[in-house]
PDB file of N, CA and C in Angstrom:
ATOM      1  N   MET A   1      93.632  91.414 112.527  1.00  0.00           N
ATOM      2  CA  MET A   1      93.158  92.375 112.004  1.00  0.00           C
ATOM      3  C   MET A   1      92.727  91.390 110.345  1.00  0.00           C
ATOM      4  N   SER A   2      91.638  91.746 110.222  1.00  0.00           N
ATOM      5  CA  SER A   2      90.769  91.287 108.641  1.00  0.00           C
ATOM      6  C   SER A   2      91.194  92.024 107.792  1.00  0.00           C
ATOM      7  N   ARG A   3      91.412  91.110 106.834  1.00  0.00           N
ATOM      8  CA  ARG A   3      91.854  91.153 105.209  1.00  0.00           C
ATOM      9  C   ARG A   3      90.791  91.465 104.533  1.00  0.00           C
ATOM     10  N   THR A   4      89.810  92.833 104.110  1.00  0.00           N
ATOM     11  CA  THR A   4      89.597  92.597 102.558  1.00  0.00           C
ATOM     12  C   THR A   4      90.223  91.849 101.217  1.00  0.00           C
ATOM     13  N   VAL A   5      89.191  90.882 100.636  1.00  0.00           N
ATOM     14  CA  VAL A   5      88.876  90.173  99.366  1.00  0.00           C
ATOM     15  C   VAL A   5      89.296  90.979  98.872  1.00  0.00           C
ATOM     16  N   LEU A   6      89.450  91.717  97.626  1.00  0.00           N
ATOM     17  CA  LEU A   6      89.547  92.411  96.612  1.00  0.00           C
ATOM     18  C   LEU A   6      88.974  91.815  95.139  1.00  0.00           C
ATOM     19  N   SER A   7      88.190  92.027  94.603  1.00  0.00           N
ATOM     20  CA  SER A   7      87.635  91.406  92.956  1.00  0.00           C
ATOM     21  C   SER A   7      88.476  91.652  92.358  1.00  0.00           C
ATOM     22  N   ALA A   8      88.415  90.737  90.941  1.00  0.00           N
ATOM     23  CA  ALA A   8      89.481  90.745  90.083  1.00  0.00           C
ATOM     24  C   ALA A   8      89.605  92.396  89.465  1.00  0.00           C
ATOM     25  N   GLU A   9      87.752  92.869  89.266  1.00  0.00           N
ATOM     26  CA  GLU A   9      87.927  94.103  89.208  1.00  0.00           C
ATOM     27  C   GLU A   9      88.308  94.834  89.397  1.00  0.00           C
ATOM     28  N   GLU A  10      88.416  95.040  90.690  1.00  0.00           N
ATOM     29  CA  GLU A  10      89.221  95.748  91.690  1.00  0.00           C
ATOM     30  C   GLU A  10      90.530  95.705  91.616  1.00  0.00           C
ATOM     31  N   LEU A  11      91.138  94.845  91.673  1.00  0.00           N
ATOM     32  CA  LEU A  11      92.627  94.571  91.151  1.00  0.00           C
ATOM     33  C   LEU A  11      93.253  95.458  90.162  1.00  0.00           C
ATOM     34  N   GLU A  12      92.131  95.125  88.975  1.00  0.00           N
ATOM     35  CA  GLU A  12      92.185  95.531  88.358  1.00  0.00           C
ATOM     36  C   GLU A  12      92.628  96.745  87.872  1.00  0.00           C
ATOM     37  N   GLN A  13      91.556  97.699  88.961  1.00  0.00           N
ATOM     38  CA  GLN A  13      91.666  99.082  88.832  1.00  0.00           C
ATOM     39  C   GLN A  13      92.539 100.076  89.650  1.00  0.00           C
ATOM     40  N   LEU A  14      92.967  99.204  90.308  1.00  0.00           N
ATOM     41  CA  LEU A  14      94.240  98.947  91.201  1.00  0.00           C
ATOM     42  C   LEU A  14      95.346  99.577  90.724  1.00  0.00           C
ATOM     43  N   ALA A  15      95.879  98.619  89.880  1.00  0.00           N
ATOM     44  CA  ALA A  15      96.475  98.414  88.849  1.00  0.00           C
ATOM     45  C   ALA A  15      96.651  99.411  87.909  1.00  0.00           C
ATOM     46  N   ALA A  16      95.358  99.279  86.935  1.00  0.00           N
ATOM     47  CA  ALA A  16      95.866 100.646  85.974  1.00  0.00           C
ATOM     48  C   ALA A  16      95.599 101.761  86.935  1.00  0.00           C
ATOM     49  N   LEU A  17      95.368 102.086  87.993  1.00  0.00           N
ATOM     50  CA  LEU A  17      95.817 103.671  89.028  1.00  0.00           C
ATOM     51  C   LEU A  17      97.123 103.579  89.398  1.00  0.00           C
ATOM     52  N   ALA A  18      97.280 102.873  89.644  1.00  0.00           N
ATOM     53  CA  ALA A  18      98.738 102.801  90.003  1.00  0.00           C
ATOM     54  C   ALA A  18     100.406 102.715  88.654  1.00  0.00           C
ATOM     55  N   ALA A  19      99.382 102.313  87.561  1.00  0.00           N
ATOM     56  CA  ALA A  19     100.662 102.666  86.697  1.00  0.00           C
ATOM     57  C   ALA A  19     100.397 103.804  85.881  1.00  0.00           C
ATOM     58  N   ARG A  20      99.351 105.194  86.068  1.00  0.00           N
ATOM     59  CA  ARG A  20      99.208 106.109  85.636  1.00  0.00           C
ATOM     60  C   ARG A  20      99.645 107.161  86.646  1.00  0.00           C
ATOM     61  N   PRO A  21     101.061 107.772  85.662  1.00  0.00           N
ATOM     62  CA  PRO A  21     101.718 108.573  86.563  1.00  0.00           C
ATOM     63  C   PRO A  21     101.021 109.908  87.283  1.00  0.00           C
ATOM     64  N   ASP A  22     101.514 110.714  87.975  1.00  0.00           N
ATOM     65  CA  ASP A  22     100.482 111.120  89.570  1.00  0.00           C
ATOM     66  C   ASP A  22     100.125 112.134  89.240  1.00  0.00           C
ATOM     67  N   HIS A  23     101.135 112.713  87.820  1.00  0.00           N
ATOM     68  CA  HIS A  23     100.637 114.267  86.907  1.00  0.00           C
ATOM     69  C   HIS A  23      98.471 114.238  86.140  1.00  0.00           C
ATOM     70  N   GLU A  24      98.437 112.595  86.670  1.00  0.00           N
ATOM     71  CA  GLU A  24      97.460 112.328  85.433  1.00  0.00           C
ATOM     72  C   GLU A  24      96.270 111.767  86.490  1.00  0.00           C
ATOM     73  N   ILE A  25      96.290 112.325  87.731  1.00  0.00           N
ATOM     74  CA  ILE A  25      95.321 111.512  88.413  1.00  0.00           C
ATOM     75  C   ILE A  25      94.680 113.188  89.640  1.00  0.00           C
ATOM     76  N   ASP A  26      93.583 113.021  89.653  1.00  0.00           N
ATOM     77  CA  ASP A  26      92.874 114.396  89.448  1.00  0.00           C
ATOM     78  C   ASP A  26      92.637 114.233  91.161  1.00  0.00           C
ATOM     79  N   THR A  27      93.017 115.109  91.775  1.00  0.00           N
ATOM     80  CA  THR A  27      93.342 115.258  93.545  1.00  0.00           C
ATOM     81  C   THR A  27      92.180 116.008  93.609  1.00  0.00           C
ATOM     82  N   ASP A  28      91.509 117.125  92.875  1.00  0.00           N
ATOM     83  CA  ASP A  28      91.085 118.191  93.684  1.00  0.00           C
ATOM     84  C   ASP A  28      90.170 118.145  94.256  1.00  0.00           C
ATOM     85  N   ASP A  29      89.471 117.038  94.003  1.00  0.00           N
ATOM     86  CA  ASP A  29      88.232 117.236  95.435  1.00  0.00           C
ATOM     87  C   ASP A  29      88.303 116.090  96.657  1.00  0.00           C
ATOM     88  N   ILE A  30      89.512 115.950  96.696  1.00  0.00           N
ATOM     89  CA  ILE A  30      89.992 115.598  98.723  1.00  0.00           C
ATOM     90  C   ILE A  30      90.270 116.977  99.057  1.00  0.00           C
ATOM     91  N   PRO A  31      89.777 117.214 100.595  1.00  0.00           N
ATOM     92  CA  PRO A  31      90.114 118.463 100.725  1.00  0.00           C
ATOM     93  C   PRO A  31      91.334 117.884 101.370  1.00  0.00           C
ATOM     94  N   GLU A  32      92.288 119.332 101.719  1.00  0.00           N
ATOM     95  CA  GLU A  32      93.973 119.171 102.736  1.00  0.00           C
ATOM     96  C   GLU A  32      93.018 118.603 103.907  1.00  0.00           C
ATOM     97  N   ALA A  33      93.520 117.853 105.040  1.00  0.00           N
ATOM     98  CA  ALA A  33      93.020 117.837 106.111  1.00  0.00           C
ATOM     99  C   ALA A  33      94.199 118.335 106.801  1.00  0.00           C
ATOM    100  N   PRO A  34      93.692 119.263 107.705  1.00  0.00           N
ATOM    101  CA  PRO A  34      93.836 120.461 108.022  1.00  0.00           C
ATOM    102  C   PRO A  34      95.531 120.108 108.814  1.00  0.00           C
ATOM    103  N   ALA A  35      95.774 121.080 109.698  1.00  0.00           N
ATOM    104  CA  ALA A  35      97.243 120.559 110.424  1.00  0.00           C
ATOM    105  C   ALA A  35      97.441 119.742 111.597  1.00  0.00           C
ATOM    106  N   GLU A  36      95.924 120.696 111.974  1.00  0.00           N
ATOM    107  CA  GLU A  36      95.838 119.869 113.432  1.00  0.00           C
ATOM    108  C   GLU A  36      95.694 118.838 113.520  1.00  0.00           C
ATOM    109  N   ASN A  37      95.184 118.158 112.178  1.00  0.00           N
ATOM    110  CA  ASN A  37      94.825 116.484 112.414  1.00  0.00           C
ATOM    111  C   ASN A  37      96.154 115.869 113.012  1.00  0.00           C
ATOM    112  N   TRP A  38      97.538 116.494 112.344  1.00  0.00           N
ATOM    113  CA  TRP A  38      98.771 115.518 112.322  1.00  0.00           C
ATOM    114  C   TRP A  38      99.593 116.079 113.339  1.00  0.00           C
ATOM    115  N   ARG A  39      99.575 116.882 114.179  1.00  0.00           N
ATOM    116  CA  ARG A  39      99.621 117.729 115.651  1.00  0.00           C
ATOM    117  C   ARG A  39     100.715 116.692 115.704  1.00  0.00           C
ATOM    118  N   HIS A  40      99.879 115.454 116.287  1.00  0.00           N
ATOM    119  CA  HIS A  40     100.866 114.654 117.401  1.00  0.00           C
ATOM    120  C   HIS A  40     101.007 113.048 116.395  1.00  0.00           C
ATOM    121  N   ALA A  41     101.223 113.455 115.097  1.00  0.00           N
ATOM    122  CA  ALA A  41     101.869 112.387 114.006  1.00  0.00           C
ATOM    123  C   ALA A  41     103.338 111.814 114.433  1.00  0.00           C
ATOM    124  N   ARG A  42     103.564 111.111 114.424  1.00  0.00           N
ATOM    125  CA  ARG A  42     104.662 110.736 114.321  1.00  0.00           C
ATOM    126  C   ARG A  42     105.696 109.638 113.513  1.00  0.00           C
ATOM    127  N   ARG A  43     106.964 109.390 112.899  1.00  0.00           N
ATOM    128  CA  ARG A  43     106.779 108.419 111.754  1.00  0.00           C
ATOM    129  C   ARG A  43     106.859 107.064 112.942  1.00  0.00           C
ATOM    130  N   GLY A  44     106.509 105.694 111.881  1.00  0.00           N
ATOM    131  CA  GLY A  44     106.170 104.798 112.748  1.00  0.00           C
ATOM    132  C   GLY A  44     108.008 103.746 112.496  1.00  0.00           C
ATOM    133  N   PRO A  45     107.922 103.103 113.171  1.00  0.00           N
ATOM    134  CA  PRO A  45     108.764 102.584 113.690  1.00  0.00           C
ATOM    135  C   PRO A  45     109.772 101.611 112.674  1.00  0.00           C
ATOM    136  N   GLY A  46     110.675 101.404 112.659  1.00  0.00           N
ATOM    137  CA  GLY A  46     111.527 101.078 111.458  1.00  0.00           C
ATOM    138  C   GLY A  46     111.757 101.513 110.045  1.00  0.00           C
ATOM    139  N   ARG A  47     110.665 103.325 110.415  1.00  0.00           N
ATOM    140  CA  ARG A  47     110.732 103.926 108.959  1.00  0.00           C
ATOM    141  C   ARG A  47     111.471 105.381 109.260  1.00  0.00           C
ATOM    142  N   PRO A  48     112.892 105.526 109.205  1.00  0.00           N
ATOM    143  CA  PRO A  48     113.996 106.011 108.953  1.00  0.00           C
ATOM    144  C   PRO A  48     113.613 107.459 108.189  1.00  0.00           C
ATOM    145  N   PRO A  49     113.898 108.391 108.492  1.00  0.00           N
ATOM    146  CA  PRO A  49     113.649 109.379 107.798  1.00  0.00           C
ATOM    147  C   PRO A  49     114.488 109.369 106.703  1.00  0.00           C
ATOM    148  N   VAL A  50     114.197 109.983 105.582  1.00  0.00           N
ATOM    149  CA  VAL A  50     114.317 110.020 104.133  1.00  0.00           C
ATOM    150  C   VAL A  50     115.674 111.224 104.209  1.00  0.00           C
ATOM    151  N   GLU A  51     117.520 110.381 104.141  1.00  0.00           N
ATOM    152  CA  GLU A  51     117.868 111.785 104.674  1.00  0.00           C
ATOM    153  C   GLU A  51     118.702 112.284 102.957  1.00  0.00           C
ATOM    154  N   GLN A  52     119.051 113.305 102.871  1.00  0.00           N
ATOM    155  CA  GLN A  52     119.974 114.184 101.715  1.00  0.00           C
ATOM    156  C   GLN A  52     120.428 114.897 101.688  1.00  0.00           C
ATOM    157  N   ALA A  53     121.670 114.148 101.173  1.00  0.00           N
ATOM    158  CA  ALA A  53     122.983 115.006 100.967  1.00  0.00           C
ATOM    159  C   ALA A  53     123.299 116.401 100.730  1.00  0.00           C
ATOM    160  N   VAL A  54     123.733 117.572 101.667  1.00  0.00           N
ATOM    161  CA  VAL A  54     123.955 118.934 101.971  1.00  0.00           C
ATOM    162  C   VAL A  54     125.303 119.574 101.928  1.00  0.00           C
ATOM    163  N   THR A  55     125.528 120.280 101.510  1.00  0.00           N
ATOM    164  CA  THR A  55     126.452 121.336 101.516  1.00  0.00           C
ATOM    165  C   THR A  55     126.226 122.418 102.452  1.00  0.00           C
ATOM    166  N   ILE A  56     126.804 122.442 103.233  1.00  0.00           N
ATOM    167  CA  ILE A  56     126.105 123.480 104.245  1.00  0.00           C
ATOM    168  C   ILE A  56     127.605 124.170 104.864  1.00  0.00           C
ATOM    169  N   ARG A  57     127.589 125.564 105.495  1.00  0.00           N
ATOM    170  CA  ARG A  57     128.644 125.938 106.065  1.00  0.00           C
ATOM    171  C   ARG A  57     128.176 126.473 107.658  1.00  0.00           C
ATOM    172  N   LEU A  58     128.924 126.407 108.484  1.00  0.00           N
ATOM    173  CA  LEU A  58     128.100 125.884 109.871  1.00  0.00           C
ATOM    174  C   LEU A  58     130.008 127.005 110.502  1.00  0.00           C
ATOM    175  N   ASP A  59     129.664 127.788 111.701  1.00  0.00           N
ATOM    176  CA  ASP A  59     130.917 128.103 112.262  1.00  0.00           C
ATOM    177  C   ASP A  59     131.262 126.512 112.772  1.00  0.00           C
ATOM    178  N   GLY A  60     132.772 127.130 112.412  1.00  0.00           N
ATOM    179  CA  GLY A  60     133.951 126.007 113.048  1.00  0.00           C
ATOM    180  C   GLY A  60     133.241 125.785 114.645  1.00  0.00           C
ATOM    181  N   ASP A  61     133.412 126.915 115.041  1.00  0.00           N
ATOM    182  CA  ASP A  61     133.334 126.054 116.848  1.00  0.00           C
ATOM    183  C   ASP A  61     132.185 125.362 117.027  1.00  0.00           C
ATOM    184  N   VAL A  62     131.027 125.190 116.168  1.00  0.00           N
ATOM    185  CA  VAL A  62     129.832 124.368 116.183  1.00  0.00           C
ATOM    186  C   VAL A  62     130.475 123.012 115.928  1.00  0.00           C
ATOM    187  N   VAL A  63     130.590 122.580 114.488  1.00  0.00           N
ATOM    188  CA  VAL A  63     131.236 121.652 114.421  1.00  0.00           C
ATOM    189  C   VAL A  63     132.351 121.151 115.513  1.00  0.00           C
ATOM    190  N   SER A  64     133.027 121.913 115.834  1.00  0.00           N
ATOM    191  CA  SER A  64     133.956 121.500 116.158  1.00  0.00           C
ATOM    192  C   SER A  64     133.338 120.681 117.879  1.00  0.00           C
ATOM    193  N   TRP A  65     132.635 121.517 118.608  1.00  0.00           N
ATOM    194  CA  TRP A  65     131.719 120.861 119.604  1.00  0.00           C
ATOM    195  C   TRP A  65     130.677 119.711 119.150  1.00  0.00           C
ATOM    196  N   PHE A  66     130.597 119.830 118.183  1.00  0.00           N
ATOM    197  CA  PHE A  66     129.750 118.599 117.482  1.00  0.00           C
ATOM    198  C   PHE A  66     130.610 117.228 117.571  1.00  0.00           C
ATOM    199  N   LYS A  67     131.657 117.206 116.972  1.00  0.00           N
ATOM    200  CA  LYS A  67     132.734 116.279 116.783  1.00  0.00           C
ATOM    201  C   LYS A  67     132.658 115.755 118.153  1.00  0.00           C
ATOM    202  N   ARG A  68     133.145 116.558 119.435  1.00  0.00           N
ATOM    203  CA  ARG A  68     133.820 115.864 120.715  1.00  0.00           C
ATOM    204  C   ARG A  68     132.451 115.889 121.417  1.00  0.00           C
ATOM    205  N   HIS A  69     131.278 115.758 121.383  1.00  0.00           N
ATOM    206  CA  HIS A  69     130.280 115.389 122.041  1.00  0.00           C
ATOM    207  C   HIS A  69     129.176 114.739 120.858  1.00  0.00           C
ATOM    208  N   ALA A  70     129.509 114.133 120.574  1.00  0.00           N
ATOM    209  CA  ALA A  70     128.556 112.885 119.081  1.00  0.00           C
ATOM    210  C   ALA A  70     129.579 111.809 120.082  1.00  0.00           C
ATOM    211  N   SER A  71     128.368 110.064 120.145  1.00  0.00           N
ATOM    212  CA  SER A  71     128.770 109.381 119.969  1.00  0.00           C
ATOM    213  C   SER A  71     129.785 109.120 119.242  1.00  0.00           C
ATOM    214  N   GLY A  72     130.523 107.929 119.461  1.00  0.00           N
ATOM    215  CA  GLY A  72     131.660 107.254 118.749  1.00  0.00           C
ATOM    216  C   GLY A  72     130.822 106.711 117.229  1.00  0.00           C
ATOM    217  N   LYS A  73     129.752 106.222 117.908  1.00  0.00           N
ATOM    218  CA  LYS A  73     129.449 105.197 117.065  1.00  0.00           C
ATOM    219  C   LYS A  73     127.982 105.729 116.031  1.00  0.00           C
ATOM    220  N   GLU A  74     127.818 106.910 115.708  1.00  0.00           N
ATOM    221  CA  GLU A  74     126.954 107.527 114.894  1.00  0.00           C
ATOM    222  C   GLU A  74     127.424 108.882 114.548  1.00  0.00           C
ATOM    223  N   GLY A  75     128.178 109.852 115.505  1.00  0.00           N
ATOM    224  CA  GLY A  75     129.429 110.814 114.293  1.00  0.00           C
ATOM    225  C   GLY A  75     128.061 111.741 115.047  1.00  0.00           C
ATOM    226  N   TYR A  76     129.200 112.722 114.409  1.00  0.00           N
ATOM    227  CA  TYR A  76     128.353 114.328 114.387  1.00  0.00           C
ATOM    228  C   TYR A  76     128.076 114.739 113.764  1.00  0.00           C
ATOM    229  N   GLN A  77     127.556 113.982 112.636  1.00  0.00           N
ATOM    230  CA  GLN A  77     126.476 114.688 111.945  1.00  0.00           C
ATOM    231  C   GLN A  77     125.184 114.067 112.015  1.00  0.00           C
ATOM    232  N   ALA A  78     125.227 112.986 112.172  1.00  0.00           N
ATOM    233  CA  ALA A  78     123.713 112.110 112.834  1.00  0.00           C
ATOM    234  C   ALA A  78     123.040 113.201 114.188  1.00  0.00           C
ATOM    235  N   GLU A  79     124.301 113.502 114.829  1.00  0.00           N
ATOM    236  CA  GLU A  79     123.902 114.123 116.221  1.00  0.00           C
ATOM    237  C   GLU A  79     122.956 115.696 115.852  1.00  0.00           C
ATOM    238  N   ILE A  80     123.670 116.708 114.836  1.00  0.00           N
ATOM    239  CA  ILE A  80     123.543 117.792 114.119  1.00  0.00           C
ATOM    240  C   ILE A  80     121.996 117.492 113.945  1.00  0.00           C
ATOM    241  N   SER A  81     122.038 116.591 113.144  1.00  0.00           N
ATOM    242  CA  SER A  81     120.594 116.725 112.408  1.00  0.00           C
ATOM    243  C   SER A  81     119.649 115.859 113.873  1.00  0.00           C
ATOM    244  N   ARG A  82     119.723 115.339 114.897  1.00  0.00           N
ATOM    245  CA  ARG A  82     118.922 115.129 116.014  1.00  0.00           C
ATOM    246  C   ARG A  82     118.361 116.308 116.246  1.00  0.00           C
ATOM    247  N   VAL A  83     119.514 117.081 116.460  1.00  0.00           N
ATOM    248  CA  VAL A  83     119.694 118.687 117.375  1.00  0.00           C
ATOM    249  C   VAL A  83     118.509 119.338 116.535  1.00  0.00           C
ATOM    250  N   LEU A  84     118.379 119.239 115.068  1.00  0.00           N
ATOM    251  CA  LEU A  84     118.056 120.182 114.008  1.00  0.00           C
ATOM    252  C   LEU A  84     116.420 119.237 113.912  1.00  0.00           C
ATOM    253  N   ARG A  85     116.526 118.050 113.847  1.00  0.00           N
ATOM    254  CA  ARG A  85     114.853 117.795 114.164  1.00  0.00           C
ATOM    255  C   ARG A  85     113.869 118.011 115.320  1.00  0.00           C
ATOM    256  N   ARG A  86     115.001 118.359 115.746  1.00  0.00           N
ATOM    257  CA  ARG A  86     114.273 118.215 117.682  1.00  0.00           C
ATOM    258  C   ARG A  86     113.644 120.107 117.788  1.00  0.00           C
ATOM    259  N   TYR A  87     114.512 120.626 116.963  1.00  0.00           N
ATOM    260  CA  TYR A  87     114.362 121.926 117.146  1.00  0.00           C
ATOM    261  C   TYR A  87     113.050 122.167 116.309  1.00  0.00           C
ATOM    262  N   VAL A  88     113.112 121.494 114.644  1.00  0.00           N
ATOM    263  CA  VAL A  88     111.876 121.045 114.184  1.00  0.00           C
ATOM    264  C   VAL A  88     110.272 121.272 114.571  1.00  0.00           C
ATOM    265  N   ASP A  89     110.386 119.559 115.533  1.00  0.00           N
ATOM    266  CA  ASP A  89     109.510 119.278 116.511  1.00  0.00           C
ATOM    267  C   ASP A  89     108.783 120.381 117.416  1.00  0.00           C
ATOM    268  N   GLU A  90     109.620 121.004 117.866  1.00  0.00           N
ATOM    269  CA  GLU A  90     109.456 122.048 118.332  1.00  0.00           C
ATOM    270  C   GLU A  90     108.612 123.129 117.743  1.00  0.00           C
ATOM    271  N   ALA A  91     108.913 123.465 116.725  1.00  0.00           N
ATOM    272  CA  ALA A  91     108.966 124.656 116.499  1.00  0.00           C
ATOM    273  C   ALA A  91     107.633 123.813 115.390  1.00  0.00           C
ATOM    274  N   VAL A  92     106.988 123.044 115.137  1.00  0.00           N
ATOM    275  CA  VAL A  92     106.059 123.236 114.636  1.00  0.00           C
ATOM    276  C   VAL A  92     105.043 122.683 115.889  1.00  0.00           C
ATOM    277  N   LYS A  93     105.048 122.305 117.142  1.00  0.00           N
ATOM    278  CA  LYS A  93     104.016 122.012 118.279  1.00  0.00           C
ATOM    279  C   LYS A  93     104.278 123.683 118.441  1.00  0.00           C
ATOM    280  N   ARG A  94     104.491 124.863 117.990  1.00  0.00           N
ATOM    281  CA  ARG A  94     104.971 125.958 118.759  1.00  0.00           C
ATOM    282  C   ARG A  94     103.376 126.330 117.643  1.00  0.00           C
ATOM    283  N   SER A  95     103.715 125.994 116.174  1.00  0.00           N
ATOM    284  CA  SER A  95     102.474 126.841 114.975  1.00  0.00           C
ATOM    285  C   SER A  95     101.276 125.971 115.276  1.00  0.00           C
ATOM    286  N   ALA A  96     101.660 125.092 116.073  1.00  0.00           N
ATOM    287  CA  ALA A  96      99.817 124.380 116.050  1.00  0.00           C
ATOM    288  C   ALA A  96      98.856 124.874 117.095  1.00  0.00           C
TER     289      ALA A  96
END
């Protein structure tokens, strides 16, 4: 892959843009990408999803099942997250 060498002026423009807060950057002239463009998008290797700690109430028997069936290495919470991820991915595919 070849790399483009940027001029000092271009580097200065990029630095100035990077220093601006997001709310000051006008993106109104950039069209939204249609959902169909993202239908087959996948997270790249080595980029784990950003996790968010939440408190959620689940049925006790469901939690017990996951605790019994999850791999000891990652635990039941990771297994619940994997199941929810598959559900969301399938729902996205169905809606596309």
